[in-house]
Amino acid sequence: MSMTAGITIRQLSADDGLQMEALLTVFGVAFDDVDSYSSARPQAAYLQHLLASDYFIALVASEGSHVIGGLAAYELIKFEQQRSEVYIYDLAVAAAHRRRGIATALIRELQRIGRQRGAYVIFVQADAPDEAAIALYSKLGVREDVLHFDIPVRSS
């Protein structure tokens, strides 16, 4: 757990389903995609299993008891070397709390966790129009221009 200007950053555990639900709400509003993050929410047992796993990392930024941001990441165990990398799947801070260093603090905490786990890198994708995310990630890491493809698991 870390603190930054009255904000607490901490990793969620299996018993933190309510905070994970609050984080899903923050993601839905921040990404203007409430339907995806609210319409078919996982059941409590599913969230408990996910939060207890050794591959999923959820961090929340809280002001008092109110979740104002967070990130969801996955540790990917590599096969070519005995190491892992961490993928930030989602990262958001509520609009009223942006520009306070919270996203940076979340990533710094993830770096600490990654070091503890023996990860060698954290990677994240950003959409080209999201200039704020690109500026943040450029400040913290090296930009690579890649293409992203979604391949459906169902055959057409």
C-alpha atoms as a PDB file:
ATOM      1  CA  MET A   1       0.000   0.000   0.000  1.00  0.00           C
ATOM      2  CA  SER A   2       1.231   3.480  -0.774  1.00  0.00           C
ATOM      3  CA  MET A   3      -0.041   6.997  -0.111  1.00  0.00           C
ATOM      4  CA  THR A   4       0.083  10.023  -2.360  1.00  0.00           C
ATOM      5  CA  ALA A   5      -1.405  13.406  -1.305  1.00  0.00           C
ATOM      6  CA  GLY A   6      -4.275  11.918   0.731  1.00  0.00           C
ATOM      7  CA  ILE A   7      -4.871   9.138  -1.790  1.00  0.00           C
ATOM      8  CA  THR A   8      -4.305   5.506  -0.795  1.00  0.00           C
ATOM      9  CA  ILE A   9      -3.151   3.019  -3.430  1.00  0.00           C
ATOM     10  CA  ARG A  10      -3.568  -0.645  -2.597  1.00  0.00           C
ATOM     11  CA  GLN A  11      -3.810  -4.051  -4.199  1.00  0.00           C
ATOM     12  CA  LEU A  12      -7.155  -5.784  -3.910  1.00  0.00           C
ATOM     13  CA  SER A  13      -7.417  -9.272  -2.434  1.00  0.00           C
ATOM     14  CA  ALA A  14     -10.077 -11.980  -2.618  1.00  0.00           C
ATOM     15  CA  ASP A  15     -12.124 -10.241   0.092  1.00  0.00           C
ATOM     16  CA  ASP A  16     -12.338  -6.932  -1.789  1.00  0.00           C
ATOM     17  CA  GLY A  17     -15.218  -7.667  -4.152  1.00  0.00           C
ATOM     18  CA  LEU A  18     -17.072  -4.464  -3.270  1.00  0.00           C
ATOM     19  CA  GLN A  19     -14.037  -2.341  -4.088  1.00  0.00           C
ATOM     20  CA  MET A  20     -13.604  -4.251  -7.372  1.00  0.00           C
ATOM     21  CA  GLU A  21     -17.244  -3.446  -8.175  1.00  0.00           C
ATOM     22  CA  ALA A  22     -16.567   0.221  -7.399  1.00  0.00           C
ATOM     23  CA  LEU A  23     -13.551   0.092  -9.724  1.00  0.00           C
ATOM     24  CA  LEU A  24     -15.713  -1.371 -12.496  1.00  0.00           C
ATOM     25  CA  THR A  25     -18.019   1.627 -12.068  1.00  0.00           C
ATOM     26  CA  VAL A  26     -15.068   4.039 -12.328  1.00  0.00           C
ATOM     27  CA  PHE A  27     -13.886   2.271 -15.505  1.00  0.00           C
ATOM     28  CA  GLY A  28     -17.358   2.398 -17.082  1.00  0.00           C
ATOM     29  CA  VAL A  29     -17.762   6.125 -16.492  1.00  0.00           C
ATOM     30  CA  ALA A  30     -14.155   7.032 -17.380  1.00  0.00           C
ATOM     31  CA  PHE A  31     -14.245   5.077 -20.645  1.00  0.00           C
ATOM     32  CA  ASP A  32     -17.799   6.242 -21.474  1.00  0.00           C
ATOM     33  CA  ASP A  33     -18.772   2.573 -21.656  1.00  0.00           C
ATOM     34  CA  VAL A  34     -21.022   1.990 -18.658  1.00  0.00           C
ATOM     35  CA  ASP A  35     -22.861  -0.824 -20.440  1.00  0.00           C
ATOM     36  CA  SER A  36     -19.733  -2.979 -20.856  1.00  0.00           C
ATOM     37  CA  TYR A  37     -18.696  -2.510 -17.227  1.00  0.00           C
ATOM     38  CA  SER A  38     -22.141  -2.769 -15.611  1.00  0.00           C
ATOM     39  CA  SER A  39     -24.676  -4.726 -17.665  1.00  0.00           C
ATOM     40  CA  ALA A  40     -23.286  -8.234 -17.057  1.00  0.00           C
ATOM     41  CA  ARG A  41     -21.139  -7.870 -13.955  1.00  0.00           C
ATOM     42  CA  PRO A  42     -19.478 -11.034 -12.713  1.00  0.00           C
ATOM     43  CA  GLN A  43     -20.948 -12.734  -9.669  1.00  0.00           C
ATOM     44  CA  ALA A  44     -19.191 -12.301  -6.313  1.00  0.00           C
ATOM     45  CA  ALA A  45     -17.642 -15.795  -6.452  1.00  0.00           C
ATOM     46  CA  TYR A  46     -16.129 -15.056  -9.866  1.00  0.00           C
ATOM     47  CA  LEU A  47     -14.571 -11.792  -8.642  1.00  0.00           C
ATOM     48  CA  GLN A  48     -13.313 -13.512  -5.497  1.00  0.00           C
ATOM     49  CA  HIS A  49     -11.639 -16.237  -7.600  1.00  0.00           C
ATOM     50  CA  LEU A  50     -10.112 -13.657  -9.947  1.00  0.00           C
ATOM     51  CA  LEU A  51      -8.815 -11.461  -7.119  1.00  0.00           C
ATOM     52  CA  ALA A  52      -7.327 -14.523  -5.371  1.00  0.00           C
ATOM     53  CA  SER A  53      -5.480 -15.666  -8.502  1.00  0.00           C
ATOM     54  CA  ASP A  54      -1.744 -15.274  -8.960  1.00  0.00           C
ATOM     55  CA  TYR A  55      -2.061 -13.795 -12.481  1.00  0.00           C
ATOM     56  CA  PHE A  56      -4.513 -10.912 -11.948  1.00  0.00           C
ATOM     57  CA  ILE A  57      -3.535  -7.648 -10.259  1.00  0.00           C
ATOM     58  CA  ALA A  58      -6.132  -5.038  -9.307  1.00  0.00           C
ATOM     59  CA  LEU A  59      -5.017  -1.771  -7.720  1.00  0.00           C
ATOM     60  CA  VAL A  60      -7.370   0.898  -6.439  1.00  0.00           C
ATOM     61  CA  ALA A  61      -6.795   4.526  -5.614  1.00  0.00           C
ATOM     62  CA  SER A  62      -9.067   5.652  -2.802  1.00  0.00           C
ATOM     63  CA  GLU A  63      -9.785   8.918  -1.112  1.00  0.00           C
ATOM     64  CA  GLY A  64     -11.179   7.864   2.236  1.00  0.00           C
ATOM     65  CA  SER A  65     -13.476   4.945   1.442  1.00  0.00           C
ATOM     66  CA  HIS A  66     -14.307   6.217  -2.068  1.00  0.00           C
ATOM     67  CA  VAL A  67     -12.633   4.459  -5.044  1.00  0.00           C
ATOM     68  CA  ILE A  68     -11.528   7.202  -7.441  1.00  0.00           C
ATOM     69  CA  GLY A  69      -9.321   5.205  -9.806  1.00  0.00           C
ATOM     70  CA  GLY A  70      -7.427   2.036 -10.368  1.00  0.00           C
ATOM     71  CA  LEU A  71      -5.942  -0.419 -12.748  1.00  0.00           C
ATOM     72  CA  ALA A  72      -6.404  -4.024 -13.786  1.00  0.00           C
ATOM     73  CA  ALA A  73      -3.351  -5.938 -14.962  1.00  0.00           C
ATOM     74  CA  TYR A  74      -2.313  -9.466 -15.820  1.00  0.00           C
ATOM     75  CA  GLU A  75       1.011 -11.154 -15.174  1.00  0.00           C
ATOM     76  CA  LEU A  76       2.035 -13.204 -18.192  1.00  0.00           C
ATOM     77  CA  ILE A  77       4.495 -15.999 -17.476  1.00  0.00           C
ATOM     78  CA  LYS A  78       6.960 -16.245 -20.371  1.00  0.00           C
ATOM     79  CA  PHE A  79       8.170 -19.414 -22.030  1.00  0.00           C
ATOM     80  CA  GLU A  80      11.420 -18.305 -23.700  1.00  0.00           C
ATOM     81  CA  GLN A  81      13.017 -17.284 -20.404  1.00  0.00           C
ATOM     82  CA  GLN A  82      12.200 -17.765 -16.741  1.00  0.00           C
ATOM     83  CA  ARG A  83      10.532 -14.394 -16.272  1.00  0.00           C
ATOM     84  CA  SER A  84       7.217 -12.623 -16.685  1.00  0.00           C
ATOM     85  CA  GLU A  85       5.796  -9.397 -17.996  1.00  0.00           C
ATOM     86  CA  VAL A  86       2.811  -7.424 -16.764  1.00  0.00           C
ATOM     87  CA  TYR A  87       0.084  -6.135 -19.060  1.00  0.00           C
ATOM     88  CA  ILE A  88      -2.043  -3.184 -17.943  1.00  0.00           C
ATOM     89  CA  TYR A  89      -5.475  -4.014 -19.306  1.00  0.00           C
ATOM     90  CA  ASP A  90      -7.363  -1.010 -17.899  1.00  0.00           C
ATOM     91  CA  LEU A  91      -6.288   2.120 -16.040  1.00  0.00           C
ATOM     92  CA  ALA A  92      -8.579   5.025 -15.192  1.00  0.00           C
ATOM     93  CA  VAL A  93      -9.005   7.868 -12.743  1.00  0.00           C
ATOM     94  CA  ALA A  94     -12.356   9.591 -12.189  1.00  0.00           C
ATOM     95  CA  ALA A  95     -12.476  12.894 -14.092  1.00  0.00           C
ATOM     96  CA  ALA A  96     -12.719  15.039 -10.938  1.00  0.00           C
ATOM     97  CA  HIS A  97      -9.453  13.554  -9.630  1.00  0.00           C
ATOM     98  CA  ARG A  98      -7.244  13.699 -12.724  1.00  0.00           C
ATOM     99  CA  ARG A  99      -4.005  15.686 -13.022  1.00  0.00           C
ATOM    100  CA  ARG A 100      -3.046  14.843  -9.414  1.00  0.00           C
ATOM    101  CA  GLY A 101      -0.459  12.121 -10.139  1.00  0.00           C
ATOM    102  CA  ILE A 102      -2.823   9.258  -9.291  1.00  0.00           C
ATOM    103  CA  ALA A 103      -2.314   7.325 -12.547  1.00  0.00           C
ATOM    104  CA  THR A 104       1.451   7.657 -12.139  1.00  0.00           C
ATOM    105  CA  ALA A 105       1.195   6.459  -8.524  1.00  0.00           C
ATOM    106  CA  LEU A 106      -0.837   3.434  -9.668  1.00  0.00           C
ATOM    107  CA  ILE A 107       1.815   2.538 -12.240  1.00  0.00           C
ATOM    108  CA  ARG A 108       4.616   3.052  -9.695  1.00  0.00           C
ATOM    109  CA  GLU A 109       2.876   0.619  -7.330  1.00  0.00           C
ATOM    110  CA  LEU A 110       2.491  -1.859 -10.192  1.00  0.00           C
ATOM    111  CA  GLN A 111       6.224  -1.494 -10.890  1.00  0.00           C
ATOM    112  CA  ARG A 112       6.941  -2.381  -7.259  1.00  0.00           C
ATOM    113  CA  ILE A 113       4.680  -5.448  -7.466  1.00  0.00           C
ATOM    114  CA  GLY A 114       6.231  -6.425 -10.811  1.00  0.00           C
ATOM    115  CA  ARG A 115       9.744  -6.264  -9.315  1.00  0.00           C
ATOM    116  CA  GLN A 116       8.622  -8.480  -6.417  1.00  0.00           C
ATOM    117  CA  ARG A 117       7.259 -11.014  -8.894  1.00  0.00           C
ATOM    118  CA  GLY A 118      10.370 -10.994 -11.054  1.00  0.00           C
ATOM    119  CA  ALA A 119       8.741  -9.315 -14.051  1.00  0.00           C
ATOM    120  CA  TYR A 120      11.055  -7.598 -16.502  1.00  0.00           C
ATOM    121  CA  VAL A 121       8.614  -5.155 -18.108  1.00  0.00           C
ATOM    122  CA  ILE A 122       5.131  -3.654 -17.887  1.00  0.00           C
ATOM    123  CA  PHE A 123       3.347  -2.973 -21.139  1.00  0.00           C
ATOM    124  CA  VAL A 124       0.158  -1.148 -22.021  1.00  0.00           C
ATOM    125  CA  GLN A 125      -1.781  -0.148 -25.124  1.00  0.00           C
ATOM    126  CA  ALA A 126      -3.221   3.294 -25.786  1.00  0.00           C
ATOM    127  CA  ASP A 127      -5.699   4.409 -28.406  1.00  0.00           C
ATOM    128  CA  ALA A 128      -4.263   6.992 -30.802  1.00  0.00           C
ATOM    129  CA  PRO A 129      -6.861   9.685 -29.949  1.00  0.00           C
ATOM    130  CA  ASP A 130      -6.173   9.350 -26.177  1.00  0.00           C
ATOM    131  CA  GLU A 131      -3.500  12.034 -25.926  1.00  0.00           C
ATOM    132  CA  ALA A 132      -3.497  12.110 -22.105  1.00  0.00           C
ATOM    133  CA  ALA A 133      -2.766   8.367 -21.872  1.00  0.00           C
ATOM    134  CA  ILE A 134      -0.074   8.596 -24.542  1.00  0.00           C
ATOM    135  CA  ALA A 135       1.593  11.488 -22.695  1.00  0.00           C
ATOM    136  CA  LEU A 136       1.519   9.556 -19.401  1.00  0.00           C
ATOM    137  CA  TYR A 137       2.925   6.350 -20.851  1.00  0.00           C
ATOM    138  CA  SER A 138       5.548   8.240 -22.878  1.00  0.00           C
ATOM    139  CA  LYS A 139       6.730   9.914 -19.668  1.00  0.00           C
ATOM    140  CA  LEU A 140       7.140   6.530 -17.956  1.00  0.00           C
ATOM    141  CA  GLY A 141       8.315   4.238 -20.738  1.00  0.00           C
ATOM    142  CA  VAL A 142       9.413   3.727 -24.314  1.00  0.00           C
ATOM    143  CA  ARG A 143       6.845   4.020 -27.084  1.00  0.00           C
ATOM    144  CA  GLU A 144       6.516   1.233 -29.623  1.00  0.00           C
ATOM    145  CA  ASP A 145       4.187   1.616 -32.566  1.00  0.00           C
ATOM    146  CA  VAL A 146       2.433  -1.709 -33.118  1.00  0.00           C
ATOM    147  CA  LEU A 147      -0.797  -2.919 -34.610  1.00  0.00           C
ATOM    148  CA  HIS A 148      -3.484  -4.578 -32.512  1.00  0.00           C
ATOM    149  CA  PHE A 149      -5.742  -7.294 -33.916  1.00  0.00           C
ATOM    150  CA  ASP A 150      -8.846  -8.842 -32.348  1.00  0.00           C
ATOM    151  CA  ILE A 151      -9.288 -12.403 -33.571  1.00  0.00           C
ATOM    152  CA  PRO A 152     -12.673 -13.924 -32.709  1.00  0.00           C
ATOM    153  CA  VAL A 153     -12.672 -17.310 -31.002  1.00  0.00           C
ATOM    154  CA  ARG A 154     -15.829 -18.361 -32.810  1.00  0.00           C
ATOM    155  CA  SER A 155     -15.389 -19.313 -36.437  1.00  0.00           C
ATOM    156  CA  SER A 156     -17.553 -17.396 -38.891  1.00  0.00           C
END
